[in-house]
Amino acid sequence: MAEPLTAQLRRFLVETNAIALAIGVVVGGAVSKLVGTLVSGFFMPIVGSVTPGGEWRAWRIPLRGDNAIQIGEILGVTMDFLILTVLVFWMATKLFRVEVKKG
């Protein structure tokens, strides 16, 4: 007799670590939102206070016509990414007691 569909699904979820992956995605989304808020509410006002005009996310490199390279937005997203990467690395090494080998 064939295994019931619910049993197959349960076995699939356990054997493939799909539940752990889903939890990781949810936690990752929450951490991303937290870091984004931290960056926009804490770090960016500090950066804005030391840059001329304070509106560095609005920096543009004008091109022909109405086109422009949004350099401020690119810098902002890059900063968000770097801070998120460092935070996730720090959390992973501390939470899972992972040691990074030198050399």
PDB file of N, CA and C in Angstrom:
ATOM      1  N   MET A   1       0.844  -1.175   0.000  1.00  0.00           N
ATOM      2  CA  MET A   1       0.000   0.000   0.000  1.00  0.00           C
ATOM      3  C   MET A   1       0.891   1.240   0.000  1.00  0.00           C
ATOM      4  N   ALA A   2       0.488   2.225  -0.775  1.00  0.00           N
ATOM      5  CA  ALA A   2       1.279   3.444  -0.912  1.00  0.00           C
ATOM      6  C   ALA A   2       1.176   4.301   0.355  1.00  0.00           C
ATOM      7  N   GLU A   3       2.242   5.010   0.600  1.00  0.00           N
ATOM      8  CA  GLU A   3       2.297   5.899   1.767  1.00  0.00           C
ATOM      9  C   GLU A   3       1.347   7.083   1.536  1.00  0.00           C
ATOM     10  N   PRO A   4       0.569   7.484   2.546  1.00  0.00           N
ATOM     11  CA  PRO A   4      -0.349   8.625   2.375  1.00  0.00           C
ATOM     12  C   PRO A   4       0.418   9.908   2.026  1.00  0.00           C
ATOM     13  N   LEU A   5      -0.253  10.787   1.318  1.00  0.00           N
ATOM     14  CA  LEU A   5       0.351  12.040   0.880  1.00  0.00           C
ATOM     15  C   LEU A   5       0.855  12.871   2.062  1.00  0.00           C
ATOM     16  N   THR A   6       0.094  12.923   3.138  1.00  0.00           N
ATOM     17  CA  THR A   6       0.524  13.709   4.300  1.00  0.00           C
ATOM     18  C   THR A   6       1.805  13.156   4.909  1.00  0.00           C
ATOM     19  N   ALA A   7       1.948  11.856   4.928  1.00  0.00           N
ATOM     20  CA  ALA A   7       3.172  11.244   5.456  1.00  0.00           C
ATOM     21  C   ALA A   7       4.354  11.531   4.536  1.00  0.00           C
ATOM     22  N   GLN A   8       4.108  11.485   3.222  1.00  0.00           N
ATOM     23  CA  GLN A   8       5.167  11.812   2.265  1.00  0.00           C
ATOM     24  C   GLN A   8       5.625  13.259   2.429  1.00  0.00           C
ATOM     25  N   LEU A   9       4.653  14.158   2.589  1.00  0.00           N
ATOM     26  CA  LEU A   9       4.969  15.578   2.761  1.00  0.00           C
ATOM     27  C   LEU A   9       5.764  15.805   4.038  1.00  0.00           C
ATOM     28  N   ARG A  10       5.334  15.185   5.107  1.00  0.00           N
ATOM     29  CA  ARG A  10       6.045  15.328   6.380  1.00  0.00           C
ATOM     30  C   ARG A  10       7.479  14.817   6.269  1.00  0.00           C
ATOM     31  N   ARG A  11       7.657  13.664   5.665  1.00  0.00           N
ATOM     32  CA  ARG A  11       8.996  13.092   5.491  1.00  0.00           C
ATOM     33  C   ARG A  11       9.864  14.005   4.626  1.00  0.00           C
ATOM     34  N   PHE A  12       9.279  14.559   3.558  1.00  0.00           N
ATOM     35  CA  PHE A  12      10.000  15.483   2.683  1.00  0.00           C
ATOM     36  C   PHE A  12      10.468  16.706   3.455  1.00  0.00           C
ATOM     37  N   LEU A  13       9.567  17.302   4.249  1.00  0.00           N
ATOM     38  CA  LEU A  13       9.914  18.508   4.995  1.00  0.00           C
ATOM     39  C   LEU A  13      11.028  18.248   6.007  1.00  0.00           C
ATOM     40  N   VAL A  14      11.003  17.106   6.646  1.00  0.00           N
ATOM     41  CA  VAL A  14      12.016  16.783   7.643  1.00  0.00           C
ATOM     42  C   VAL A  14      13.352  16.435   6.981  1.00  0.00           C
ATOM     43  N   GLU A  15      13.320  15.607   5.953  1.00  0.00           N
ATOM     44  CA  GLU A  15      14.555  15.135   5.324  1.00  0.00           C
ATOM     45  C   GLU A  15      15.279  16.211   4.538  1.00  0.00           C
ATOM     46  N   THR A  16      14.565  17.157   3.990  1.00  0.00           N
ATOM     47  CA  THR A  16      15.207  18.195   3.174  1.00  0.00           C
ATOM     48  C   THR A  16      15.485  19.475   3.950  1.00  0.00           C
ATOM     49  N   ASN A  17      15.197  19.482   5.224  1.00  0.00           N
ATOM     50  CA  ASN A  17      15.382  20.680   6.058  1.00  0.00           C
ATOM     51  C   ASN A  17      14.594  21.877   5.537  1.00  0.00           C
ATOM     52  N   ALA A  18      13.476  21.618   4.879  1.00  0.00           N
ATOM     53  CA  ALA A  18      12.653  22.691   4.329  1.00  0.00           C
ATOM     54  C   ALA A  18      12.098  23.584   5.435  1.00  0.00           C
ATOM     55  N   ILE A  19      11.778  23.011   6.582  1.00  0.00           N
ATOM     56  CA  ILE A  19      11.249  23.815   7.693  1.00  0.00           C
ATOM     57  C   ILE A  19      12.326  24.757   8.206  1.00  0.00           C
ATOM     58  N   ALA A  20      13.551  24.260   8.346  1.00  0.00           N
ATOM     59  CA  ALA A  20      14.653  25.108   8.798  1.00  0.00           C
ATOM     60  C   ALA A  20      14.911  26.232   7.799  1.00  0.00           C
ATOM     61  N   LEU A  21      14.828  25.919   6.517  1.00  0.00           N
ATOM     62  CA  LEU A  21      15.010  26.936   5.490  1.00  0.00           C
ATOM     63  C   LEU A  21      13.918  27.996   5.573  1.00  0.00           C
ATOM     64  N   ALA A  22      12.680  27.567   5.761  1.00  0.00           N
ATOM     65  CA  ALA A  22      11.572  28.520   5.871  1.00  0.00           C
ATOM     66  C   ALA A  22      11.750  29.424   7.087  1.00  0.00           C
ATOM     67  N   ILE A  23      12.173  28.851   8.197  1.00  0.00           N
ATOM     68  CA  ILE A  23      12.422  29.657   9.396  1.00  0.00           C
ATOM     69  C   ILE A  23      13.546  30.654   9.124  1.00  0.00           C
ATOM     70  N   GLY A  24      14.587  30.197   8.444  1.00  0.00           N
ATOM     71  CA  GLY A  24      15.700  31.084   8.098  1.00  0.00           C
ATOM     72  C   GLY A  24      15.268  32.251   7.229  1.00  0.00           C
ATOM     73  N   VAL A  25      14.375  31.982   6.291  1.00  0.00           N
ATOM     74  CA  VAL A  25      13.877  33.051   5.412  1.00  0.00           C
ATOM     75  C   VAL A  25      13.084  34.076   6.216  1.00  0.00           C
ATOM     76  N   VAL A  26      12.227  33.608   7.108  1.00  0.00           N
ATOM     77  CA  VAL A  26      11.416  34.511   7.925  1.00  0.00           C
ATOM     78  C   VAL A  26      12.310  35.345   8.848  1.00  0.00           C
ATOM     79  N   VAL A  27      13.244  34.690   9.522  1.00  0.00           N
ATOM     80  CA  VAL A  27      14.154  35.410  10.421  1.00  0.00           C
ATOM     81  C   VAL A  27      15.024  36.377   9.621  1.00  0.00           C
ATOM     82  N   GLY A  28      15.493  35.957   8.459  1.00  0.00           N
ATOM     83  CA  GLY A  28      16.297  36.834   7.609  1.00  0.00           C
ATOM     84  C   GLY A  28      15.539  38.080   7.191  1.00  0.00           C
ATOM     85  N   GLY A  29      14.279  37.917   6.859  1.00  0.00           N
ATOM     86  CA  GLY A  29      13.453  39.075   6.509  1.00  0.00           C
ATOM     87  C   GLY A  29      13.282  40.031   7.676  1.00  0.00           C
ATOM     88  N   ALA A  30      13.099  39.473   8.866  1.00  0.00           N
ATOM     89  CA  ALA A  30      12.944  40.316  10.049  1.00  0.00           C
ATOM     90  C   ALA A  30      14.253  41.037  10.377  1.00  0.00           C
ATOM     91  N   VAL A  31      15.373  40.330  10.261  1.00  0.00           N
ATOM     92  CA  VAL A  31      16.672  40.962  10.521  1.00  0.00           C
ATOM     93  C   VAL A  31      16.942  42.057   9.496  1.00  0.00           C
ATOM     94  N   SER A  32      16.588  41.799   8.246  1.00  0.00           N
ATOM     95  CA  SER A  32      16.770  42.801   7.202  1.00  0.00           C
ATOM     96  C   SER A  32      15.968  44.061   7.500  1.00  0.00           C
ATOM     97  N   LYS A  33      14.741  43.896   7.949  1.00  0.00           N
ATOM     98  CA  LYS A  33      13.896  45.042   8.281  1.00  0.00           C
ATOM     99  C   LYS A  33      14.472  45.807   9.476  1.00  0.00           C
ATOM    100  N   LEU A  34      14.943  45.062  10.480  1.00  0.00           N
ATOM    101  CA  LEU A  34      15.554  45.686  11.649  1.00  0.00           C
ATOM    102  C   LEU A  34      16.792  46.473  11.264  1.00  0.00           C
ATOM    103  N   VAL A  35      17.656  45.877  10.462  1.00  0.00           N
ATOM    104  CA  VAL A  35      18.880  46.561  10.062  1.00  0.00           C
ATOM    105  C   VAL A  35      18.564  47.758   9.180  1.00  0.00           C
ATOM    106  N   GLY A  36      17.604  47.621   8.285  1.00  0.00           N
ATOM    107  CA  GLY A  36      17.204  48.751   7.442  1.00  0.00           C
ATOM    108  C   GLY A  36      16.720  49.926   8.266  1.00  0.00           C
ATOM    109  N   THR A  37      15.944  49.643   9.298  1.00  0.00           N
ATOM    110  CA  THR A  37      15.463  50.698  10.181  1.00  0.00           C
ATOM    111  C   THR A  37      16.609  51.308  10.975  1.00  0.00           C
ATOM    112  N   LEU A  38      17.512  50.461  11.455  1.00  0.00           N
ATOM    113  CA  LEU A  38      18.679  50.944  12.185  1.00  0.00           C
ATOM    114  C   LEU A  38      19.540  51.835  11.303  1.00  0.00           C
ATOM    115  N   VAL A  39      19.737  51.426  10.066  1.00  0.00           N
ATOM    116  CA  VAL A  39      20.549  52.215   9.142  1.00  0.00           C
ATOM    117  C   VAL A  39      19.871  53.550   8.838  1.00  0.00           C
ATOM    118  N   SER A  40      18.583  53.505   8.498  1.00  0.00           N
ATOM    119  CA  SER A  40      17.908  54.749   8.111  1.00  0.00           C
ATOM    120  C   SER A  40      17.641  55.664   9.303  1.00  0.00           C
ATOM    121  N   GLY A  41      17.435  55.104  10.484  1.00  0.00           N
ATOM    122  CA  GLY A  41      17.111  55.932  11.645  1.00  0.00           C
ATOM    123  C   GLY A  41      18.281  56.338  12.500  1.00  0.00           C
ATOM    124  N   PHE A  42      19.426  55.635  12.380  1.00  0.00           N
ATOM    125  CA  PHE A  42      20.574  55.938  13.228  1.00  0.00           C
ATOM    126  C   PHE A  42      21.803  56.349  12.414  1.00  0.00           C
ATOM    127  N   PHE A  43      22.241  55.459  11.520  1.00  0.00           N
ATOM    128  CA  PHE A  43      23.479  55.728  10.790  1.00  0.00           C
ATOM    129  C   PHE A  43      23.329  56.832   9.750  1.00  0.00           C
ATOM    130  N   MET A  44      22.252  56.831   8.988  1.00  0.00           N
ATOM    131  CA  MET A  44      22.092  57.805   7.918  1.00  0.00           C
ATOM    132  C   MET A  44      21.964  59.250   8.422  1.00  0.00           C
ATOM    133  N   PRO A  45      21.279  59.498   9.535  1.00  0.00           N
ATOM    134  CA  PRO A  45      21.290  60.876  10.034  1.00  0.00           C
ATOM    135  C   PRO A  45      22.697  61.348  10.413  1.00  0.00           C
ATOM    136  N   ILE A  46      23.518  60.431  10.914  1.00  0.00           N
ATOM    137  CA  ILE A  46      24.900  60.797  11.241  1.00  0.00           C
ATOM    138  C   ILE A  46      25.669  61.105   9.958  1.00  0.00           C
ATOM    139  N   VAL A  47      25.529  60.241   8.959  1.00  0.00           N
ATOM    140  CA  VAL A  47      26.196  60.480   7.678  1.00  0.00           C
ATOM    141  C   VAL A  47      25.676  61.775   7.055  1.00  0.00           C
ATOM    142  N   GLY A  48      24.370  61.987   7.128  1.00  0.00           N
ATOM    143  CA  GLY A  48      23.779  63.197   6.565  1.00  0.00           C
ATOM    144  C   GLY A  48      24.252  64.468   7.240  1.00  0.00           C
ATOM    145  N   SER A  49      24.560  64.382   8.537  1.00  0.00           N
ATOM    146  CA  SER A  49      25.005  65.580   9.248  1.00  0.00           C
ATOM    147  C   SER A  49      26.443  65.962   8.899  1.00  0.00           C
ATOM    148  N   VAL A  50      27.239  65.036   8.400  1.00  0.00           N
ATOM    149  CA  VAL A  50      28.629  65.353   8.057  1.00  0.00           C
ATOM    150  C   VAL A  50      28.835  65.554   6.559  1.00  0.00           C
ATOM    151  N   THR A  51      27.812  65.330   5.757  1.00  0.00           N
ATOM    152  CA  THR A  51      27.936  65.568   4.321  1.00  0.00           C
ATOM    153  C   THR A  51      27.341  66.931   3.985  1.00  0.00           C
ATOM    154  N   PRO A  52      27.914  67.598   2.988  1.00  0.00           N
ATOM    155  CA  PRO A  52      27.391  68.912   2.596  1.00  0.00           C
ATOM    156  C   PRO A  52      25.936  68.804   2.141  1.00  0.00           C
ATOM    157  N   GLY A  53      25.084  69.576   2.732  1.00  0.00           N
ATOM    158  CA  GLY A  53      23.669  69.585   2.379  1.00  0.00           C
ATOM    159  C   GLY A  53      22.857  68.534   3.096  1.00  0.00           C
ATOM    160  N   GLY A  54      23.465  67.475   3.560  1.00  0.00           N
ATOM    161  CA  GLY A  54      22.793  66.452   4.338  1.00  0.00           C
ATOM    162  C   GLY A  54      21.931  65.487   3.560  1.00  0.00           C
ATOM    163  N   GLU A  55      21.617  65.764   2.336  1.00  0.00           N
ATOM    164  CA  GLU A  55      20.746  64.907   1.526  1.00  0.00           C
ATOM    165  C   GLU A  55      21.588  64.064   0.572  1.00  0.00           C
ATOM    166  N   TRP A  56      22.465  63.266   1.101  1.00  0.00           N
ATOM    167  CA  TRP A  56      23.381  62.511   0.247  1.00  0.00           C
ATOM    168  C   TRP A  56      22.692  61.394  -0.518  1.00  0.00           C
ATOM    169  N   ARG A  57      21.561  60.889  -0.023  1.00  0.00           N
ATOM    170  CA  ARG A  57      20.836  59.846  -0.772  1.00  0.00           C
ATOM    171  C   ARG A  57      20.201  60.413  -2.044  1.00  0.00           C
ATOM    172  N   ALA A  58      20.109  61.708  -2.138  1.00  0.00           N
ATOM    173  CA  ALA A  58      19.545  62.336  -3.334  1.00  0.00           C
ATOM    174  C   ALA A  58      20.624  62.714  -4.351  1.00  0.00           C
ATOM    175  N   TRP A  59      21.886  62.401  -4.063  1.00  0.00           N
ATOM    176  CA  TRP A  59      22.961  62.714  -5.006  1.00  0.00           C
ATOM    177  C   TRP A  59      22.714  62.020  -6.338  1.00  0.00           C
ATOM    178  N   ARG A  60      22.969  62.777  -7.393  1.00  0.00           N
ATOM    179  CA  ARG A  60      22.759  62.266  -8.740  1.00  0.00           C
ATOM    180  C   ARG A  60      23.904  62.700  -9.629  1.00  0.00           C
ATOM    181  N   ILE A  61      24.198  61.907 -10.620  1.00  0.00           N
ATOM    182  CA  ILE A  61      25.130  62.300 -11.671  1.00  0.00           C
ATOM    183  C   ILE A  61      24.279  62.498 -12.923  1.00  0.00           C
ATOM    184  N   PRO A  62      24.063  63.762 -13.293  1.00  0.00           N
ATOM    185  CA  PRO A  62      23.170  64.040 -14.421  1.00  0.00           C
ATOM    186  C   PRO A  62      23.737  63.502 -15.738  1.00  0.00           C
ATOM    187  N   LEU A  63      22.848  62.983 -16.537  1.00  0.00           N
ATOM    188  CA  LEU A  63      23.181  62.533 -17.883  1.00  0.00           C
ATOM    189  C   LEU A  63      22.386  63.379 -18.865  1.00  0.00           C
ATOM    190  N   ARG A  64      22.292  62.950 -20.080  1.00  0.00           N
ATOM    191  CA  ARG A  64      21.562  63.695 -21.085  1.00  0.00           C
ATOM    192  C   ARG A  64      20.056  63.686 -20.785  1.00  0.00           C
ATOM    193  N   GLY A  65      19.409  64.798 -20.932  1.00  0.00           N
ATOM    194  CA  GLY A  65      17.965  64.889 -20.714  1.00  0.00           C
ATOM    195  C   GLY A  65      17.622  64.803 -19.223  1.00  0.00           C
ATOM    196  N   ASP A  66      16.561  64.077 -18.912  1.00  0.00           N
ATOM    197  CA  ASP A  66      16.133  63.911 -17.518  1.00  0.00           C
ATOM    198  C   ASP A  66      16.781  62.695 -16.849  1.00  0.00           C
ATOM    199  N   ASN A  67      17.657  62.020 -17.535  1.00  0.00           N
ATOM    200  CA  ASN A  67      18.300  60.824 -16.994  1.00  0.00           C
ATOM    201  C   ASN A  67      19.425  61.196 -16.044  1.00  0.00           C
ATOM    202  N   ALA A  68      19.602  60.358 -15.031  1.00  0.00           N
ATOM    203  CA  ALA A  68      20.682  60.574 -14.073  1.00  0.00           C
ATOM    204  C   ALA A  68      21.016  59.257 -13.393  1.00  0.00           C
ATOM    205  N   ILE A  69      22.263  59.129 -12.984  1.00  0.00           N
ATOM    206  CA  ILE A  69      22.680  57.983 -12.188  1.00  0.00           C
ATOM    207  C   ILE A  69      22.413  58.344 -10.736  1.00  0.00           C
ATOM    208  N   GLN A  70      21.628  57.537 -10.054  1.00  0.00           N
ATOM    209  CA  GLN A  70      21.248  57.795  -8.666  1.00  0.00           C
ATOM    210  C   GLN A  70      22.357  57.310  -7.727  1.00  0.00           C
ATOM    211  N   ILE A  71      23.459  58.007  -7.679  1.00  0.00           N
ATOM    212  CA  ILE A  71      24.628  57.564  -6.919  1.00  0.00           C
ATOM    213  C   ILE A  71      24.350  57.527  -5.416  1.00  0.00           C
ATOM    214  N   GLY A  72      23.542  58.423  -4.908  1.00  0.00           N
ATOM    215  CA  GLY A  72      23.203  58.423  -3.489  1.00  0.00           C
ATOM    216  C   GLY A  72      22.430  57.178  -3.083  1.00  0.00           C
ATOM    217  N   GLU A  73      21.495  56.782  -3.919  1.00  0.00           N
ATOM    218  CA  GLU A  73      20.712  55.567  -3.638  1.00  0.00           C
ATOM    219  C   GLU A  73      21.594  54.329  -3.709  1.00  0.00           C
ATOM    220  N   ILE A  74      22.506  54.305  -4.680  1.00  0.00           N
ATOM    221  CA  ILE A  74      23.436  53.175  -4.793  1.00  0.00           C
ATOM    222  C   ILE A  74      24.316  53.094  -3.549  1.00  0.00           C
ATOM    223  N   LEU A  75      24.831  54.219  -3.095  1.00  0.00           N
ATOM    224  CA  LEU A  75      25.657  54.226  -1.879  1.00  0.00           C
ATOM    225  C   LEU A  75      24.850  53.790  -0.655  1.00  0.00           C
ATOM    226  N   GLY A  76      23.619  54.237  -0.559  1.00  0.00           N
ATOM    227  CA  GLY A  76      22.770  53.878   0.570  1.00  0.00           C
ATOM    228  C   GLY A  76      22.466  52.390   0.630  1.00  0.00           C
ATOM    229  N   VAL A  77      22.118  51.809  -0.516  1.00  0.00           N
ATOM    230  CA  VAL A  77      21.819  50.378  -0.561  1.00  0.00           C
ATOM    231  C   VAL A  77      23.090  49.574  -0.280  1.00  0.00           C
ATOM    232  N   THR A  78      24.228  50.046  -0.775  1.00  0.00           N
ATOM    233  CA  THR A  78      25.498  49.371  -0.507  1.00  0.00           C
ATOM    234  C   THR A  78      25.808  49.389   0.980  1.00  0.00           C
ATOM    235  N   MET A  79      25.570  50.520   1.633  1.00  0.00           N
ATOM    236  CA  MET A  79      25.802  50.616   3.072  1.00  0.00           C
ATOM    237  C   MET A  79      24.846  49.695   3.836  1.00  0.00           C
ATOM    238  N   ASP A  80      23.596  49.657   3.434  1.00  0.00           N
ATOM    239  CA  ASP A  80      22.629  48.739   4.058  1.00  0.00           C
ATOM    240  C   ASP A  80      23.125  47.297   3.948  1.00  0.00           C
ATOM    241  N   PHE A  81      23.577  46.918   2.751  1.00  0.00           N
ATOM    242  CA  PHE A  81      24.054  45.560   2.507  1.00  0.00           C
ATOM    243  C   PHE A  81      25.258  45.227   3.381  1.00  0.00           C
ATOM    244  N   LEU A  82      26.217  46.138   3.445  1.00  0.00           N
ATOM    245  CA  LEU A  82      27.430  45.875   4.232  1.00  0.00           C
ATOM    246  C   LEU A  82      27.114  45.725   5.717  1.00  0.00           C
ATOM    247  N   ILE A  83      26.261  46.585   6.228  1.00  0.00           N
ATOM    248  CA  ILE A  83      25.895  46.503   7.647  1.00  0.00           C
ATOM    249  C   ILE A  83      25.133  45.206   7.915  1.00  0.00           C
ATOM    250  N   LEU A  84      24.206  44.841   7.035  1.00  0.00           N
ATOM    251  CA  LEU A  84      23.451  43.594   7.192  1.00  0.00           C
ATOM    252  C   LEU A  84      24.383  42.387   7.134  1.00  0.00           C
ATOM    253  N   THR A  85      25.332  42.410   6.218  1.00  0.00           N
ATOM    254  CA  THR A  85      26.278  41.301   6.087  1.00  0.00           C
ATOM    255  C   THR A  85      27.116  41.137   7.346  1.00  0.00           C
ATOM    256  N   VAL A  86      27.630  42.231   7.862  1.00  0.00           N
ATOM    257  CA  VAL A  86      28.442  42.170   9.081  1.00  0.00           C
ATOM    258  C   VAL A  86      27.597  41.676  10.253  1.00  0.00           C
ATOM    259  N   LEU A  87      26.383  42.164  10.370  1.00  0.00           N
ATOM    260  CA  LEU A  87      25.514  41.739  11.468  1.00  0.00           C
ATOM    261  C   LEU A  87      25.178  40.253  11.378  1.00  0.00           C
ATOM    262  N   VAL A  88      24.829  39.773  10.194  1.00  0.00           N
ATOM    263  CA  VAL A  88      24.503  38.353  10.034  1.00  0.00           C
ATOM    264  C   VAL A  88      25.733  37.490  10.308  1.00  0.00           C
ATOM    265  N   PHE A  89      26.900  37.920   9.836  1.00  0.00           N
ATOM    266  CA  PHE A  89      28.134  37.178  10.103  1.00  0.00           C
ATOM    267  C   PHE A  89      28.405  37.115  11.602  1.00  0.00           C
ATOM    268  N   TRP A  90      28.260  38.245  12.268  1.00  0.00           N
ATOM    269  CA  TRP A  90      28.502  38.297  13.716  1.00  0.00           C
ATOM    270  C   TRP A  90      27.523  37.379  14.449  1.00  0.00           C
ATOM    271  N   MET A  91      26.232  37.461  14.083  1.00  0.00           N
ATOM    272  CA  MET A  91      25.229  36.625  14.733  1.00  0.00           C
ATOM    273  C   MET A  91      25.509  35.147  14.498  1.00  0.00           C
ATOM    274  N   ALA A  92      25.873  34.785  13.271  1.00  0.00           N
ATOM    275  CA  ALA A  92      26.121  33.375  12.950  1.00  0.00           C
ATOM    276  C   ALA A  92      27.319  32.846  13.718  1.00  0.00           C
ATOM    277  N   THR A  93      28.378  33.628  13.813  1.00  0.00           N
ATOM    278  CA  THR A  93      29.563  33.146  14.519  1.00  0.00           C
ATOM    279  C   THR A  93      29.317  33.043  16.018  1.00  0.00           C
ATOM    280  N   LYS A  94      28.549  33.944  16.579  1.00  0.00           N
ATOM    281  CA  LYS A  94      28.268  33.909  18.019  1.00  0.00           C
ATOM    282  C   LYS A  94      27.186  32.885  18.358  1.00  0.00           C
ATOM    283  N   LEU A  95      26.130  32.875  17.580  1.00  0.00           N
ATOM    284  CA  LEU A  95      24.998  32.002  17.864  1.00  0.00           C
ATOM    285  C   LEU A  95      25.365  30.526  17.681  1.00  0.00           C
ATOM    286  N   PHE A  96      26.074  30.224  16.624  1.00  0.00           N
ATOM    287  CA  PHE A  96      26.405  28.841  16.308  1.00  0.00           C
ATOM    288  C   PHE A  96      27.816  28.465  16.737  1.00  0.00           C
ATOM    289  N   ARG A  97      28.482  29.387  17.423  1.00  0.00           N
ATOM    290  CA  ARG A  97      29.846  29.173  17.911  1.00  0.00           C
ATOM    291  C   ARG A  97      30.787  28.691  16.813  1.00  0.00           C
ATOM    292  N   VAL A  98      30.681  29.351  15.667  1.00  0.00           N
ATOM    293  CA  VAL A  98      31.531  29.025  14.531  1.00  0.00           C
ATOM    294  C   VAL A  98      32.808  29.840  14.650  1.00  0.00           C
ATOM    295  N   GLU A  99      33.929  29.189  14.428  1.00  0.00           N
ATOM    296  CA  GLU A  99      35.206  29.885  14.453  1.00  0.00           C
ATOM    297  C   GLU A  99      35.716  30.010  13.028  1.00  0.00           C
ATOM    298  N   VAL A 100      36.151  31.225  12.674  1.00  0.00           N
ATOM    299  CA  VAL A 100      36.693  31.471  11.352  1.00  0.00           C
ATOM    300  C   VAL A 100      38.183  31.178  11.426  1.00  0.00           C
ATOM    301  N   LYS A 101      38.640  30.261  10.571  1.00  0.00           N
ATOM    302  CA  LYS A 101      40.047  29.886  10.578  1.00  0.00           C
ATOM    303  C   LYS A 101      40.866  30.951   9.866  1.00  0.00           C
ATOM    304  N   LYS A 102      42.016  31.277  10.429  1.00  0.00           N
ATOM    305  CA  LYS A 102      42.897  32.259   9.819  1.00  0.00           C
ATOM    306  C   LYS A 102      43.792  31.579   8.794  1.00  0.00           C
ATOM    307  N   GLY A 103      44.072  32.336   7.741  1.00  0.00           N
ATOM    308  CA  GLY A 103      45.020  31.823   6.763  1.00  0.00           C
ATOM    309  C   GLY A 103      44.448  31.182   5.605  1.00  0.00           C
TER     310      GLY A 103
END
